[in-house]
Amino acid sequence: MPDISLQRRDALRAAAAAMVTLTGSSWAQSPGWPTKPVNMVVPFPAGGGTDAFARPLAAQFSKSTGRALVIDNRGGAGGTLGASFAAKAPADGYNYFMGGTHHVIAPSVYARLDYDLERDFVALALLASVPQVVVVNPRTVTAKTIQELIADLRRKPGSFNYASAGAGTSHHLAGELFKLQTNTFVTHIPYRGAGPALQDLMGGNVDMMFDGLGSSAAHIKGGRIKALMVSGSKRNPSLPDVPCAAEVGLPDYNVTTWYGLWAPKNTPVEQQQHMIEEVRRLGQTPEIKAIWAQNGAEYGSLSKEQFAAMVSGEIKRWAQVVKASGAKVE
């Protein structure tokens, strides 16, 4: 006869194992984060390119987790003031920083920074990547094509100006690179963010801008500004009628505005991973996919390690452009 006590003991062990498995699975799905609002510093005023991606992410984050992702706009000094503030935030898993191209340029153009992007932060995820676009005010600039614009700039050097989100930003360096590659001169007018710069461009106070498509797309489609060229070697799906740089004889004009997520150094690895997994999930939602497509953007697919390597490579690449252009900010 079978040993009933042994059968019962085996059954109890199996039940206990099943309970451990179930408990572990439940914990993995409900890690208990976040338990309070999460803060994210956006180092530019509201209305710029960073905001165009940060705010939809915040809305979806709140919808997904039931906790607010609070956007803290802290503009100034080409995004470096906000970065400095974020670097000193508590490393508790509830403070993050959304920066981008501007911040890999800053170490080369600013003589002094009180933070180090690679030393004081942990790079977590690439969130969005969009091409730069050359936009003009159609009331102050008569050129209908990029070739006509270049001809006008060469014929009347110094008669035109371009706005940027601030000295040392990607807008600024994109303009300097354009000048180098087209042998033209355009006066640089720095602002405290892309939002104010775009407002003055639409108002006719400045002539042109080298902007990330994320902040310009709606104004281009609304007819308030005119796009003459997108950077890179292919046209952007959101602006199919606008030529790319390679088509118009500027094959080396490849400038991308990208936005990424960082955490202060010493943020617990577990909390870092929770945030990385959450933003990856958000990138797959229909709402985020639609907004990114509308802005001509791609959602990042890099791992944490790949993004960190990209940041290091971009710091070196832009240092070469800064050296060639002579751009500096005191």
C-alpha atoms as a PDB file:
ATOM      1  CA  MET A   1       0.000   0.000   0.000  1.00  0.00           C
ATOM      2  CA  PRO A   2       1.200   3.503  -0.724  1.00  0.00           C
ATOM      3  CA  ASP A   3       2.532   5.544   2.167  1.00  0.00           C
ATOM      4  CA  ILE A   4      -0.242   8.125   2.762  1.00  0.00           C
ATOM      5  CA  SER A   5       1.980  10.281   4.999  1.00  0.00           C
ATOM      6  CA  LEU A   6       4.631  10.556   2.249  1.00  0.00           C
ATOM      7  CA  GLN A   7       2.001  11.507  -0.338  1.00  0.00           C
ATOM      8  CA  ARG A   8       0.605  14.175   1.982  1.00  0.00           C
ATOM      9  CA  ARG A   9       4.078  15.562   2.690  1.00  0.00           C
ATOM     10  CA  ASP A  10       4.844  15.765  -1.056  1.00  0.00           C
ATOM     11  CA  ALA A  11       1.537  17.503  -1.675  1.00  0.00           C
ATOM     12  CA  LEU A  12       2.297  20.083   1.025  1.00  0.00           C
ATOM     13  CA  ARG A  13       5.724  20.720  -0.453  1.00  0.00           C
ATOM     14  CA  ALA A  14       4.230  21.218  -3.920  1.00  0.00           C
ATOM     15  CA  ALA A  15       1.680  23.642  -2.538  1.00  0.00           C
ATOM     16  CA  ALA A  16       4.390  25.588  -0.720  1.00  0.00           C
ATOM     17  CA  ALA A  17       6.485  25.782  -3.874  1.00  0.00           C
ATOM     18  CA  ALA A  18       3.489  27.019  -5.837  1.00  0.00           C
ATOM     19  CA  MET A  19       2.855  29.691  -3.189  1.00  0.00           C
ATOM     20  CA  VAL A  20       6.491  30.900  -3.422  1.00  0.00           C
ATOM     21  CA  THR A  21       6.221  31.067  -7.204  1.00  0.00           C
ATOM     22  CA  LEU A  22       2.948  32.946  -7.049  1.00  0.00           C
ATOM     23  CA  THR A  23       4.277  35.377  -4.433  1.00  0.00           C
ATOM     24  CA  GLY A  24       7.427  36.013  -6.463  1.00  0.00           C
ATOM     25  CA  SER A  25       5.396  36.605  -9.614  1.00  0.00           C
ATOM     26  CA  SER A  26       3.062  38.982  -7.792  1.00  0.00           C
ATOM     27  CA  TRP A  27       6.010  40.965  -6.390  1.00  0.00           C
ATOM     28  CA  ALA A  28       7.576  41.265  -9.861  1.00  0.00           C
ATOM     29  CA  GLN A  29       4.372  42.761 -11.193  1.00  0.00           C
ATOM     30  CA  SER A  30       3.855  45.076  -8.198  1.00  0.00           C
ATOM     31  CA  PRO A  31       7.279  46.253  -7.023  1.00  0.00           C
ATOM     32  CA  GLY A  32       5.817  49.054  -4.882  1.00  0.00           C
ATOM     33  CA  TRP A  33       7.298  51.858  -6.999  1.00  0.00           C
ATOM     34  CA  PRO A  34       6.339  54.596  -7.245  1.00  0.00           C
ATOM     35  CA  THR A  35       4.601  55.196  -3.936  1.00  0.00           C
ATOM     36  CA  LYS A  36       4.608  59.003  -4.345  1.00  0.00           C
ATOM     37  CA  PRO A  37       4.985  61.603  -7.146  1.00  0.00           C
ATOM     38  CA  VAL A  38       8.157  61.412  -9.246  1.00  0.00           C
ATOM     39  CA  ASN A  39      10.011  64.604 -10.196  1.00  0.00           C
ATOM     40  CA  MET A  40      11.650  65.249 -13.564  1.00  0.00           C
ATOM     41  CA  VAL A  41      13.699  68.377 -14.258  1.00  0.00           C
ATOM     42  CA  VAL A  42      13.305  69.760 -17.772  1.00  0.00           C
ATOM     43  CA  PRO A  43      16.126  72.308 -18.163  1.00  0.00           C
ATOM     44  CA  PHE A  44      14.269  74.674 -20.508  1.00  0.00           C
ATOM     45  CA  PRO A  45      11.158  76.880 -20.286  1.00  0.00           C
ATOM     46  CA  ALA A  46       7.782  75.430 -21.213  1.00  0.00           C
ATOM     47  CA  GLY A  47       6.966  75.281 -24.916  1.00  0.00           C
ATOM     48  CA  GLY A  48      10.302  74.025 -26.256  1.00  0.00           C
ATOM     49  CA  GLY A  49      11.353  70.770 -27.847  1.00  0.00           C
ATOM     50  CA  THR A  50      12.090  69.004 -24.559  1.00  0.00           C
ATOM     51  CA  ASP A  51       8.611  69.870 -23.304  1.00  0.00           C
ATOM     52  CA  ALA A  52       7.045  68.494 -26.496  1.00  0.00           C
ATOM     53  CA  PHE A  53       8.169  65.035 -25.398  1.00  0.00           C
ATOM     54  CA  ALA A  54       8.340  65.383 -21.608  1.00  0.00           C
ATOM     55  CA  ARG A  55       4.718  66.355 -21.072  1.00  0.00           C
ATOM     56  CA  PRO A  56       3.130  63.503 -23.081  1.00  0.00           C
ATOM     57  CA  LEU A  57       5.433  61.100 -21.234  1.00  0.00           C
ATOM     58  CA  ALA A  58       4.351  62.579 -17.915  1.00  0.00           C
ATOM     59  CA  ALA A  59       0.670  62.189 -18.811  1.00  0.00           C
ATOM     60  CA  GLN A  60       1.122  58.538 -19.785  1.00  0.00           C
ATOM     61  CA  PHE A  61       3.316  57.843 -16.744  1.00  0.00           C
ATOM     62  CA  SER A  62       0.546  59.082 -14.441  1.00  0.00           C
ATOM     63  CA  LYS A  63      -2.032  57.047 -16.338  1.00  0.00           C
ATOM     64  CA  SER A  64       0.127  53.905 -16.130  1.00  0.00           C
ATOM     65  CA  THR A  65       1.354  54.117 -12.522  1.00  0.00           C
ATOM     66  CA  GLY A  66      -1.332  56.147 -10.787  1.00  0.00           C
ATOM     67  CA  ARG A  67       1.360  58.565  -9.592  1.00  0.00           C
ATOM     68  CA  ALA A  68       2.201  61.981 -11.030  1.00  0.00           C
ATOM     69  CA  LEU A  69       5.391  62.613 -12.979  1.00  0.00           C
ATOM     70  CA  VAL A  70       5.933  66.276 -12.084  1.00  0.00           C
ATOM     71  CA  ILE A  71       7.690  68.385 -14.740  1.00  0.00           C
ATOM     72  CA  ASP A  72       9.989  71.004 -13.213  1.00  0.00           C
ATOM     73  CA  ASN A  73      10.958  73.529 -15.921  1.00  0.00           C
ATOM     74  CA  ARG A  74      14.244  75.216 -14.979  1.00  0.00           C
ATOM     75  CA  GLY A  75      15.596  77.139 -17.970  1.00  0.00           C
ATOM     76  CA  GLY A  76      18.729  79.176 -18.457  1.00  0.00           C
ATOM     77  CA  ALA A  77      22.336  78.991 -19.676  1.00  0.00           C
ATOM     78  CA  GLY A  78      21.615  76.607 -22.524  1.00  0.00           C
ATOM     79  CA  GLY A  79      20.080  73.992 -20.236  1.00  0.00           C
ATOM     80  CA  THR A  80      23.045  73.872 -17.851  1.00  0.00           C
ATOM     81  CA  LEU A  81      21.287  75.578 -14.911  1.00  0.00           C
ATOM     82  CA  GLY A  82      18.615  72.885 -14.850  1.00  0.00           C
ATOM     83  CA  ALA A  83      21.251  70.173 -15.203  1.00  0.00           C
ATOM     84  CA  SER A  84      23.185  71.624 -12.267  1.00  0.00           C
ATOM     85  CA  PHE A  85      20.029  71.636 -10.143  1.00  0.00           C
ATOM     86  CA  ALA A  86      19.152  68.055 -11.107  1.00  0.00           C
ATOM     87  CA  ALA A  87      22.670  66.806 -10.302  1.00  0.00           C
ATOM     88  CA  LYS A  88      22.190  67.921  -6.686  1.00  0.00           C
ATOM     89  CA  ALA A  89      18.717  66.391  -6.240  1.00  0.00           C
ATOM     90  CA  PRO A  90      18.283  63.532  -3.738  1.00  0.00           C
ATOM     91  CA  ALA A  91      19.296  60.187  -5.266  1.00  0.00           C
ATOM     92  CA  ASP A  92      16.214  58.421  -3.912  1.00  0.00           C
ATOM     93  CA  GLY A  93      14.659  57.040  -7.085  1.00  0.00           C
ATOM     94  CA  TYR A  94      12.130  59.869  -7.293  1.00  0.00           C
ATOM     95  CA  ASN A  95      14.262  62.496  -9.038  1.00  0.00           C
ATOM     96  CA  TYR A  96      15.186  62.394 -12.736  1.00  0.00           C
ATOM     97  CA  PHE A  97      16.521  64.675 -15.436  1.00  0.00           C
ATOM     98  CA  MET A  98      15.491  64.943 -19.091  1.00  0.00           C
ATOM     99  CA  GLY A  99      18.342  66.431 -21.089  1.00  0.00           C
ATOM    100  CA  GLY A 100      19.775  65.840 -24.510  1.00  0.00           C
ATOM    101  CA  THR A 101      22.058  67.013 -27.257  1.00  0.00           C
ATOM    102  CA  HIS A 102      22.609  70.369 -25.563  1.00  0.00           C
ATOM    103  CA  HIS A 103      24.200  68.667 -22.580  1.00  0.00           C
ATOM    104  CA  VAL A 104      26.822  66.738 -24.540  1.00  0.00           C
ATOM    105  CA  ILE A 105      27.815  70.002 -26.232  1.00  0.00           C
ATOM    106  CA  ALA A 106      28.032  72.046 -23.022  1.00  0.00           C
ATOM    107  CA  PRO A 107      31.354  70.605 -21.728  1.00  0.00           C
ATOM    108  CA  SER A 108      33.114  71.962 -24.827  1.00  0.00           C
ATOM    109  CA  VAL A 109      31.578  75.439 -24.995  1.00  0.00           C
ATOM    110  CA  TYR A 110      31.346  76.401 -21.326  1.00  0.00           C
ATOM    111  CA  ALA A 111      34.594  77.286 -19.562  1.00  0.00           C
ATOM    112  CA  ARG A 112      33.163  76.192 -16.210  1.00  0.00           C
ATOM    113  CA  LEU A 113      30.359  73.820 -15.266  1.00  0.00           C
ATOM    114  CA  ASP A 114      29.630  72.822 -11.676  1.00  0.00           C
ATOM    115  CA  TYR A 115      28.504  69.341 -12.708  1.00  0.00           C
ATOM    116  CA  ASP A 116      29.797  66.557 -14.947  1.00  0.00           C
ATOM    117  CA  LEU A 117      27.239  64.764 -17.105  1.00  0.00           C
ATOM    118  CA  GLU A 118      29.023  61.419 -16.881  1.00  0.00           C
ATOM    119  CA  ARG A 119      30.297  61.665 -13.319  1.00  0.00           C
ATOM    120  CA  ASP A 120      27.261  63.152 -11.545  1.00  0.00           C
ATOM    121  CA  PHE A 121      24.481  61.339 -13.409  1.00  0.00           C
ATOM    122  CA  VAL A 122      23.575  57.826 -14.499  1.00  0.00           C
ATOM    123  CA  ALA A 123      22.440  57.623 -18.141  1.00  0.00           C
ATOM    124  CA  LEU A 124      19.227  55.567 -18.288  1.00  0.00           C
ATOM    125  CA  ALA A 125      17.415  55.764 -21.623  1.00  0.00           C
ATOM    126  CA  LEU A 126      17.199  57.483 -24.998  1.00  0.00           C
ATOM    127  CA  LEU A 127      13.643  58.803 -25.255  1.00  0.00           C
ATOM    128  CA  ALA A 128      13.375  60.580 -28.596  1.00  0.00           C
ATOM    129  CA  SER A 129      15.469  61.419 -31.628  1.00  0.00           C
ATOM    130  CA  VAL A 130      14.487  63.995 -34.249  1.00  0.00           C
ATOM    131  CA  PRO A 131      16.325  65.656 -37.124  1.00  0.00           C
ATOM    132  CA  GLN A 132      17.196  69.335 -37.037  1.00  0.00           C
ATOM    133  CA  VAL A 133      15.221  71.463 -39.472  1.00  0.00           C
ATOM    134  CA  VAL A 134      16.120  74.828 -41.003  1.00  0.00           C
ATOM    135  CA  VAL A 135      13.080  77.075 -40.556  1.00  0.00           C
ATOM    136  CA  VAL A 136      12.509  80.691 -41.568  1.00  0.00           C
ATOM    137  CA  ASN A 137       9.876  83.352 -41.066  1.00  0.00           C
ATOM    138  CA  PRO A 138       8.234  83.532 -44.508  1.00  0.00           C
ATOM    139  CA  ARG A 139       7.452  87.229 -44.029  1.00  0.00           C
ATOM    140  CA  THR A 140      11.049  88.327 -43.421  1.00  0.00           C
ATOM    141  CA  VAL A 141      12.878  85.765 -45.578  1.00  0.00           C
ATOM    142  CA  THR A 142      11.914  85.699 -49.253  1.00  0.00           C
ATOM    143  CA  ALA A 143      13.876  82.542 -50.125  1.00  0.00           C
ATOM    144  CA  LYS A 144      11.629  79.639 -51.094  1.00  0.00           C
ATOM    145  CA  THR A 145      14.342  76.974 -51.110  1.00  0.00           C
ATOM    146  CA  ILE A 146      17.484  76.275 -49.107  1.00  0.00           C
ATOM    147  CA  GLN A 147      19.587  77.003 -52.210  1.00  0.00           C
ATOM    148  CA  GLU A 148      17.988  80.455 -52.503  1.00  0.00           C
ATOM    149  CA  LEU A 149      18.578  81.071 -48.794  1.00  0.00           C
ATOM    150  CA  ILE A 150      22.275  80.167 -49.053  1.00  0.00           C
ATOM    151  CA  ALA A 151      22.626  82.496 -52.068  1.00  0.00           C
ATOM    152  CA  ASP A 152      21.001  85.345 -50.099  1.00  0.00           C
ATOM    153  CA  LEU A 153      23.249  84.731 -47.082  1.00  0.00           C
ATOM    154  CA  ARG A 154      26.354  84.860 -49.272  1.00  0.00           C
ATOM    155  CA  ARG A 155      25.193  87.959 -51.100  1.00  0.00           C
ATOM    156  CA  LYS A 156      24.378  89.862 -47.883  1.00  0.00           C
ATOM    157  CA  PRO A 157      26.626  88.477 -45.099  1.00  0.00           C
ATOM    158  CA  GLY A 158      25.551  89.591 -41.626  1.00  0.00           C
ATOM    159  CA  SER A 159      22.157  90.851 -42.801  1.00  0.00           C
ATOM    160  CA  PHE A 160      20.314  87.822 -41.408  1.00  0.00           C
ATOM    161  CA  ASN A 161      20.137  86.371 -37.906  1.00  0.00           C
ATOM    162  CA  TYR A 162      19.166  83.067 -36.356  1.00  0.00           C
ATOM    163  CA  ALA A 163      17.644  82.250 -32.985  1.00  0.00           C
ATOM    164  CA  SER A 164      18.678  79.435 -30.674  1.00  0.00           C
ATOM    165  CA  ALA A 165      17.555  77.968 -27.350  1.00  0.00           C
ATOM    166  CA  GLY A 166      20.726  79.429 -25.850  1.00  0.00           C
ATOM    167  CA  ALA A 167      24.458  79.664 -26.363  1.00  0.00           C
ATOM    168  CA  GLY A 168      26.005  76.219 -26.504  1.00  0.00           C
ATOM    169  CA  THR A 169      22.779  74.391 -27.374  1.00  0.00           C
ATOM    170  CA  SER A 170      22.320  72.103 -30.364  1.00  0.00           C
ATOM    171  CA  HIS A 171      20.449  74.940 -32.134  1.00  0.00           C
ATOM    172  CA  HIS A 172      23.516  77.147 -31.754  1.00  0.00           C
ATOM    173  CA  LEU A 173      26.023  74.509 -32.904  1.00  0.00           C
ATOM    174  CA  ALA A 174      23.763  73.421 -35.760  1.00  0.00           C
ATOM    175  CA  GLY A 175      23.830  77.027 -36.955  1.00  0.00           C
ATOM    176  CA  GLU A 176      27.608  77.244 -36.639  1.00  0.00           C
ATOM    177  CA  LEU A 177      28.039  73.965 -38.513  1.00  0.00           C
ATOM    178  CA  PHE A 178      25.718  75.229 -41.259  1.00  0.00           C
ATOM    179  CA  LYS A 179      27.808  78.398 -41.587  1.00  0.00           C
ATOM    180  CA  LEU A 180      31.017  76.369 -41.846  1.00  0.00           C
ATOM    181  CA  GLN A 181      29.655  74.030 -44.491  1.00  0.00           C
ATOM    182  CA  THR A 182      27.965  76.738 -46.611  1.00  0.00           C
ATOM    183  CA  ASN A 183      30.616  79.441 -46.219  1.00  0.00           C
ATOM    184  CA  THR A 184      28.049  81.951 -44.960  1.00  0.00           C
ATOM    185  CA  PHE A 185      27.701  84.299 -42.002  1.00  0.00           C
ATOM    186  CA  VAL A 186      24.508  84.638 -39.945  1.00  0.00           C
ATOM    187  CA  THR A 187      24.298  86.473 -36.608  1.00  0.00           C
ATOM    188  CA  HIS A 188      23.464  84.272 -33.627  1.00  0.00           C
ATOM    189  CA  ILE A 189      20.727  85.458 -31.222  1.00  0.00           C
ATOM    190  CA  PRO A 190      20.545  83.229 -28.099  1.00  0.00           C
ATOM    191  CA  TYR A 191      17.338  82.860 -26.054  1.00  0.00           C
ATOM    192  CA  ARG A 192      16.459  81.145 -22.787  1.00  0.00           C
ATOM    193  CA  GLY A 193      14.914  78.118 -24.495  1.00  0.00           C
ATOM    194  CA  ALA A 194      13.433  77.026 -27.806  1.00  0.00           C
ATOM    195  CA  GLY A 195       9.940  78.193 -26.820  1.00  0.00           C
ATOM    196  CA  PRO A 196      10.839  81.906 -26.538  1.00  0.00           C
ATOM    197  CA  ALA A 197      13.081  81.638 -29.616  1.00  0.00           C
ATOM    198  CA  LEU A 198      10.237  80.194 -31.699  1.00  0.00           C
ATOM    199  CA  GLN A 199       7.859  82.897 -30.499  1.00  0.00           C
ATOM    200  CA  ASP A 200      10.226  85.601 -31.730  1.00  0.00           C
ATOM    201  CA  LEU A 201      10.791  83.739 -34.996  1.00  0.00           C
ATOM    202  CA  MET A 202       7.044  83.579 -35.614  1.00  0.00           C
ATOM    203  CA  GLY A 203       6.745  87.231 -34.608  1.00  0.00           C
ATOM    204  CA  GLY A 204       9.339  88.278 -37.180  1.00  0.00           C
ATOM    205  CA  ASN A 205      11.910  89.475 -34.645  1.00  0.00           C
ATOM    206  CA  VAL A 206      14.466  86.963 -35.974  1.00  0.00           C
ATOM    207  CA  ASP A 207      14.817  85.514 -39.467  1.00  0.00           C
ATOM    208  CA  MET A 208      15.596  81.840 -39.068  1.00  0.00           C
ATOM    209  CA  MET A 209      16.326  78.985 -36.705  1.00  0.00           C
ATOM    210  CA  PHE A 210      18.007  75.581 -36.697  1.00  0.00           C
ATOM    211  CA  ASP A 211      15.488  73.762 -34.562  1.00  0.00           C
ATOM    212  CA  GLY A 212      14.640  70.225 -33.518  1.00  0.00           C
ATOM    213  CA  LEU A 213      11.601  69.073 -35.453  1.00  0.00           C
ATOM    214  CA  GLY A 214       9.768  68.225 -32.230  1.00  0.00           C
ATOM    215  CA  SER A 215       9.194  71.862 -31.298  1.00  0.00           C
ATOM    216  CA  SER A 216       8.790  73.193 -34.860  1.00  0.00           C
ATOM    217  CA  ALA A 217       6.507  70.587 -36.450  1.00  0.00           C
ATOM    218  CA  ALA A 218       3.173  72.076 -35.358  1.00  0.00           C
ATOM    219  CA  HIS A 219       4.220  75.618 -36.373  1.00  0.00           C
ATOM    220  CA  ILE A 220       5.457  74.403 -39.768  1.00  0.00           C
ATOM    221  CA  LYS A 221       2.195  72.590 -40.451  1.00  0.00           C
ATOM    222  CA  GLY A 222       0.272  75.652 -39.244  1.00  0.00           C
ATOM    223  CA  GLY A 223       2.086  77.878 -41.765  1.00  0.00           C
ATOM    224  CA  ARG A 224       3.587  80.158 -39.134  1.00  0.00           C
ATOM    225  CA  ILE A 225       7.145  79.245 -40.161  1.00  0.00           C
ATOM    226  CA  LYS A 226       8.537  77.588 -43.288  1.00  0.00           C
ATOM    227  CA  ALA A 227      10.848  74.556 -43.362  1.00  0.00           C
ATOM    228  CA  LEU A 228      13.542  74.627 -46.058  1.00  0.00           C
ATOM    229  CA  MET A 229      15.645  71.573 -45.153  1.00  0.00           C
ATOM    230  CA  VAL A 230      15.922  68.700 -42.694  1.00  0.00           C
ATOM    231  CA  SER A 231      19.344  67.441 -41.681  1.00  0.00           C
ATOM    232  CA  GLY A 232      20.707  64.051 -42.652  1.00  0.00           C
ATOM    233  CA  SER A 233      20.484  61.738 -45.631  1.00  0.00           C
ATOM    234  CA  LYS A 234      16.744  61.081 -45.842  1.00  0.00           C
ATOM    235  CA  ARG A 235      13.513  63.034 -45.771  1.00  0.00           C
ATOM    236  CA  ASN A 236      11.392  62.926 -42.661  1.00  0.00           C
ATOM    237  CA  PRO A 237       7.989  61.198 -42.957  1.00  0.00           C
ATOM    238  CA  SER A 238       6.228  64.056 -41.180  1.00  0.00           C
ATOM    239  CA  LEU A 239       7.567  66.571 -43.770  1.00  0.00           C
ATOM    240  CA  PRO A 240       7.717  64.537 -46.991  1.00  0.00           C
ATOM    241  CA  ASP A 241       7.981  67.623 -49.244  1.00  0.00           C
ATOM    242  CA  VAL A 242      10.998  69.119 -47.447  1.00  0.00           C
ATOM    243  CA  PRO A 243      14.382  68.067 -48.907  1.00  0.00           C
ATOM    244  CA  CYS A 244      17.119  66.591 -46.749  1.00  0.00           C
ATOM    245  CA  ALA A 245      20.647  67.979 -46.497  1.00  0.00           C
ATOM    246  CA  ALA A 246      22.192  65.269 -48.670  1.00  0.00           C
ATOM    247  CA  GLU A 247      19.784  66.121 -51.527  1.00  0.00           C
ATOM    248  CA  VAL A 248      20.869  69.769 -51.644  1.00  0.00           C
ATOM    249  CA  GLY A 249      24.609  69.209 -51.621  1.00  0.00           C
ATOM    250  CA  LEU A 250      25.287  69.125 -47.848  1.00  0.00           C
ATOM    251  CA  PRO A 251      25.977  65.409 -47.244  1.00  0.00           C
ATOM    252  CA  ASP A 252      27.896  66.069 -44.019  1.00  0.00           C
ATOM    253  CA  TYR A 253      25.200  68.184 -42.405  1.00  0.00           C
ATOM    254  CA  ASN A 254      23.886  65.463 -40.111  1.00  0.00           C
ATOM    255  CA  VAL A 255      22.552  67.030 -36.920  1.00  0.00           C
ATOM    256  CA  THR A 256      20.069  65.223 -34.710  1.00  0.00           C
ATOM    257  CA  THR A 257      18.314  66.583 -31.662  1.00  0.00           C
ATOM    258  CA  TRP A 258      17.803  63.815 -29.138  1.00  0.00           C
ATOM    259  CA  TYR A 259      16.406  63.663 -25.634  1.00  0.00           C
ATOM    260  CA  GLY A 260      17.376  61.256 -22.890  1.00  0.00           C
ATOM    261  CA  LEU A 261      16.701  60.381 -19.280  1.00  0.00           C
ATOM    262  CA  TRP A 262      19.238  60.512 -16.447  1.00  0.00           C
ATOM    263  CA  ALA A 263      19.150  59.887 -12.700  1.00  0.00           C
ATOM    264  CA  PRO A 264      21.400  61.505 -10.082  1.00  0.00           C
ATOM    265  CA  LYS A 265      24.478  59.470  -9.239  1.00  0.00           C
ATOM    266  CA  ASN A 266      23.933  56.908  -6.454  1.00  0.00           C
ATOM    267  CA  THR A 267      20.247  56.445  -7.285  1.00  0.00           C
ATOM    268  CA  PRO A 268      19.510  52.829  -6.219  1.00  0.00           C
ATOM    269  CA  VAL A 269      19.959  50.439  -9.139  1.00  0.00           C
ATOM    270  CA  GLU A 270      16.563  48.860  -8.467  1.00  0.00           C
ATOM    271  CA  GLN A 271      14.847  52.238  -8.779  1.00  0.00           C
ATOM    272  CA  GLN A 272      16.798  52.997 -11.942  1.00  0.00           C
ATOM    273  CA  GLN A 273      15.560  49.759 -13.451  1.00  0.00           C
ATOM    274  CA  HIS A 274      11.951  50.451 -12.480  1.00  0.00           C
ATOM    275  CA  MET A 275      12.121  53.801 -14.295  1.00  0.00           C
ATOM    276  CA  ILE A 276      13.812  52.297 -17.360  1.00  0.00           C
ATOM    277  CA  GLU A 277      11.171  49.580 -17.623  1.00  0.00           C
ATOM    278  CA  GLU A 278       8.370  52.097 -17.189  1.00  0.00           C
ATOM    279  CA  VAL A 279       9.547  54.458 -19.948  1.00  0.00           C
ATOM    280  CA  ARG A 280      10.066  51.467 -22.251  1.00  0.00           C
ATOM    281  CA  ARG A 281       6.461  50.421 -21.663  1.00  0.00           C
ATOM    282  CA  LEU A 282       5.281  53.962 -22.302  1.00  0.00           C
ATOM    283  CA  GLY A 283       7.109  53.996 -25.634  1.00  0.00           C
ATOM    284  CA  GLN A 284       4.894  51.139 -26.811  1.00  0.00           C
ATOM    285  CA  THR A 285       1.588  52.851 -26.022  1.00  0.00           C
ATOM    286  CA  PRO A 286      -0.547  54.044 -28.966  1.00  0.00           C
ATOM    287  CA  GLU A 287      -0.659  57.561 -27.500  1.00  0.00           C
ATOM    288  CA  ILE A 288       3.122  57.991 -27.349  1.00  0.00           C
ATOM    289  CA  LYS A 289       3.644  56.353 -30.751  1.00  0.00           C
ATOM    290  CA  ALA A 290       1.170  58.797 -32.331  1.00  0.00           C
ATOM    291  CA  ILE A 291       2.711  61.892 -30.722  1.00  0.00           C
ATOM    292  CA  TRP A 292       6.260  60.861 -31.643  1.00  0.00           C
ATOM    293  CA  ALA A 293       5.214  60.212 -35.262  1.00  0.00           C
ATOM    294  CA  GLN A 294       3.467  63.589 -35.420  1.00  0.00           C
ATOM    295  CA  ASN A 295       6.709  65.245 -34.293  1.00  0.00           C
ATOM    296  CA  GLY A 296       8.832  63.287 -36.758  1.00  0.00           C
ATOM    297  CA  ALA A 297      10.579  61.474 -33.886  1.00  0.00           C
ATOM    298  CA  GLU A 298      11.804  57.967 -33.203  1.00  0.00           C
ATOM    299  CA  TYR A 299      11.556  56.420 -29.741  1.00  0.00           C
ATOM    300  CA  GLY A 300      14.856  55.178 -28.353  1.00  0.00           C
ATOM    301  CA  SER A 301      15.597  51.447 -28.342  1.00  0.00           C
ATOM    302  CA  LEU A 302      19.072  51.500 -26.773  1.00  0.00           C
ATOM    303  CA  SER A 303      19.942  49.598 -23.636  1.00  0.00           C
ATOM    304  CA  LYS A 304      21.169  51.502 -20.598  1.00  0.00           C
ATOM    305  CA  GLU A 305      24.761  50.601 -21.469  1.00  0.00           C
ATOM    306  CA  GLN A 306      24.343  51.554 -25.134  1.00  0.00           C
ATOM    307  CA  PHE A 307      22.869  54.917 -24.190  1.00  0.00           C
ATOM    308  CA  ALA A 308      25.780  55.644 -21.842  1.00  0.00           C
ATOM    309  CA  ALA A 309      28.223  54.785 -24.652  1.00  0.00           C
ATOM    310  CA  MET A 310      26.290  57.047 -27.030  1.00  0.00           C
ATOM    311  CA  VAL A 311      26.548  59.953 -24.558  1.00  0.00           C
ATOM    312  CA  SER A 312      30.325  59.517 -24.330  1.00  0.00           C
ATOM    313  CA  GLY A 313      30.641  59.383 -28.114  1.00  0.00           C
ATOM    314  CA  GLU A 314      28.487  62.481 -28.594  1.00  0.00           C
ATOM    315  CA  ILE A 315      30.579  64.494 -26.120  1.00  0.00           C
ATOM    316  CA  LYS A 316      33.679  63.716 -28.208  1.00  0.00           C
ATOM    317  CA  ARG A 317      31.949  64.373 -31.554  1.00  0.00           C
ATOM    318  CA  TRP A 318      30.619  67.786 -30.594  1.00  0.00           C
ATOM    319  CA  ALA A 319      33.962  68.781 -29.094  1.00  0.00           C
ATOM    320  CA  GLN A 320      35.381  68.535 -32.624  1.00  0.00           C
ATOM    321  CA  VAL A 321      32.605  70.745 -34.048  1.00  0.00           C
ATOM    322  CA  VAL A 322      33.111  73.316 -31.275  1.00  0.00           C
ATOM    323  CA  LYS A 323      36.845  73.391 -31.980  1.00  0.00           C
ATOM    324  CA  ALA A 324      36.259  73.904 -35.705  1.00  0.00           C
ATOM    325  CA  SER A 325      33.651  76.649 -35.200  1.00  0.00           C
ATOM    326  CA  GLY A 326      35.389  78.425 -32.321  1.00  0.00           C
ATOM    327  CA  ALA A 327      32.121  78.671 -30.394  1.00  0.00           C
ATOM    328  CA  LYS A 328      32.608  79.463 -26.714  1.00  0.00           C
ATOM    329  CA  VAL A 329      30.434  80.618 -23.806  1.00  0.00           C
ATOM    330  CA  GLU A 330      32.004  82.436 -20.867  1.00  0.00           C
END
